[in-house]
C-alpha atoms as a PDB file:
ATOM      1  CA  MET A   1      14.878  14.259 -29.672  1.00  0.00           C
ATOM      2  CA  ALA A   2      15.844  15.075 -26.219  1.00  0.00           C
ATOM      3  CA  GLY A   3      16.129  12.209 -23.797  1.00  0.00           C
ATOM      4  CA  PRO A   4      13.155  12.924 -21.333  1.00  0.00           C
ATOM      5  CA  VAL A   5      10.840  14.176 -24.198  1.00  0.00           C
ATOM      6  CA  LYS A   6      11.362  10.669 -25.883  1.00  0.00           C
ATOM      7  CA  TYR A   7      10.673   9.140 -22.703  1.00  0.00           C
ATOM      8  CA  VAL A   8       7.538  10.691 -22.217  1.00  0.00           C
ATOM      9  CA  LYS A   9       6.343  10.051 -25.654  1.00  0.00           C
ATOM     10  CA  GLU A  10       7.378   6.406 -25.314  1.00  0.00           C
ATOM     11  CA  VAL A  11       5.286   6.036 -22.043  1.00  0.00           C
ATOM     12  CA  VAL A  12       2.276   7.536 -23.661  1.00  0.00           C
ATOM     13  CA  LYS A  13       2.631   5.035 -26.364  1.00  0.00           C
ATOM     14  CA  GLU A  14       2.938   2.156 -24.294  1.00  0.00           C
ATOM     15  CA  GLY A  15      -0.039   3.120 -22.179  1.00  0.00           C
ATOM     16  CA  LYS A  16      -2.147   3.431 -25.376  1.00  0.00           C
ATOM     17  CA  ARG A  17      -1.218  -0.358 -25.944  1.00  0.00           C
ATOM     18  CA  VAL A  18      -2.368  -1.506 -22.518  1.00  0.00           C
ATOM     19  CA  ARG A  19      -5.662  -3.222 -22.101  1.00  0.00           C
ATOM     20  CA  TRP A  20      -7.245  -1.241 -19.385  1.00  0.00           C
ATOM     21  CA  PRO A  21     -10.007  -3.162 -17.227  1.00  0.00           C
ATOM     22  CA  LYS A  22     -13.484  -2.375 -17.591  1.00  0.00           C
ATOM     23  CA  ARG A  23     -15.492  -0.572 -14.810  1.00  0.00           C
ATOM     24  CA  GLU A  24     -17.093  -3.812 -13.771  1.00  0.00           C
ATOM     25  CA  GLN A  25     -13.664  -5.584 -13.010  1.00  0.00           C
ATOM     26  CA  LEU A  26     -12.057  -2.323 -11.666  1.00  0.00           C
ATOM     27  CA  ILE A  27     -14.610  -1.563  -8.909  1.00  0.00           C
ATOM     28  CA  PRO A  28     -14.466  -4.836  -7.106  1.00  0.00           C
ATOM     29  CA  ALA A  29     -10.591  -4.823  -7.462  1.00  0.00           C
ATOM     30  CA  ILE A  30     -10.569  -1.404  -5.684  1.00  0.00           C
ATOM     31  CA  VAL A  31     -12.795  -2.588  -3.262  1.00  0.00           C
ATOM     32  CA  VAL A  32     -10.533  -5.604  -2.598  1.00  0.00           C
ATOM     33  CA  VAL A  33      -7.509  -3.355  -2.187  1.00  0.00           C
ATOM     34  CA  ILE A  34      -8.793  -0.867   0.258  1.00  0.00           C
ATOM     35  CA  SER A  35     -10.345  -3.659   2.300  1.00  0.00           C
ATOM     36  CA  ILE A  36      -7.010  -5.540   2.563  1.00  0.00           C
ATOM     37  CA  SER A  37      -5.156  -2.149   3.235  1.00  0.00           C
ATOM     38  CA  VAL A  38      -7.601  -1.242   5.927  1.00  0.00           C
ATOM     39  CA  PHE A  39      -7.452  -4.614   7.827  1.00  0.00           C
ATOM     40  CA  ALA A  40      -3.664  -4.627   7.377  1.00  0.00           C
ATOM     41  CA  ALA A  41      -3.564  -0.909   9.068  1.00  0.00           C
ATOM     42  CA  ILE A  42      -5.685  -2.136  11.905  1.00  0.00           C
ATOM     43  CA  PHE A  43      -3.600  -5.427  12.316  1.00  0.00           C
ATOM     44  CA  LEU A  44      -0.302  -3.690  12.141  1.00  0.00           C
ATOM     45  CA  SER A  45      -1.439  -0.808  14.709  1.00  0.00           C
ATOM     46  CA  LEU A  46      -2.791  -3.391  17.275  1.00  0.00           C
ATOM     47  CA  GLU A  47       0.520  -5.454  17.055  1.00  0.00           C
ATOM     48  CA  ASP A  48       2.372  -2.084  17.479  1.00  0.00           C
ATOM     49  CA  TYR A  49       0.308  -1.115  20.440  1.00  0.00           C
ATOM     50  CA  THR A  50       0.738  -4.633  21.891  1.00  0.00           C
ATOM     51  CA  ALA A  51       4.521  -4.774  21.424  1.00  0.00           C
ATOM     52  CA  GLY A  52       4.943  -1.336  23.036  1.00  0.00           C
ATOM     53  CA  SER A  53       2.777  -2.207  25.939  1.00  0.00           C
ATOM     54  CA  LEU A  54       4.769  -5.509  26.396  1.00  0.00           C
ATOM     55  CA  ILE A  55       7.976  -3.637  26.281  1.00  0.00           C
ATOM     56  CA  GLN A  56       6.915  -1.150  28.851  1.00  0.00           C
ATOM     57  CA  GLN A  57       5.921  -3.971  31.131  1.00  0.00           C
ATOM     58  CA  ILE A  58       9.439  -5.426  30.802  1.00  0.00           C
ATOM     59  CA  LYS A  59      10.915  -2.280  31.537  1.00  0.00           C
ATOM     60  CA  ALA A  60       8.690  -1.827  34.671  1.00  0.00           C
ATOM     61  CA  ALA A  61       9.275  -5.385  35.762  1.00  0.00           C
ATOM     62  CA  PHE A  62      13.228  -4.992  35.526  1.00  0.00           C
ATOM     63  CA  GLY A  63      13.555  -1.396  36.585  1.00  0.00           C
ATOM     64  CA  LYS A  64      14.820   1.646  34.430  1.00  0.00           C
END
């Protein structure tokens, strides 16, 4: 059997052994992940904007 074909068959075989979460567990987990991702994106965007503004003020204070 070829290498990539064997690999794909093993991945499918392992995927069948996994205990996948039920919908009742999956939906809240997805909501938590999306909420944390949105919060992190907003926080990092504000932090980036603030740092950029601070750097511009420092440049302006000390000349070019």
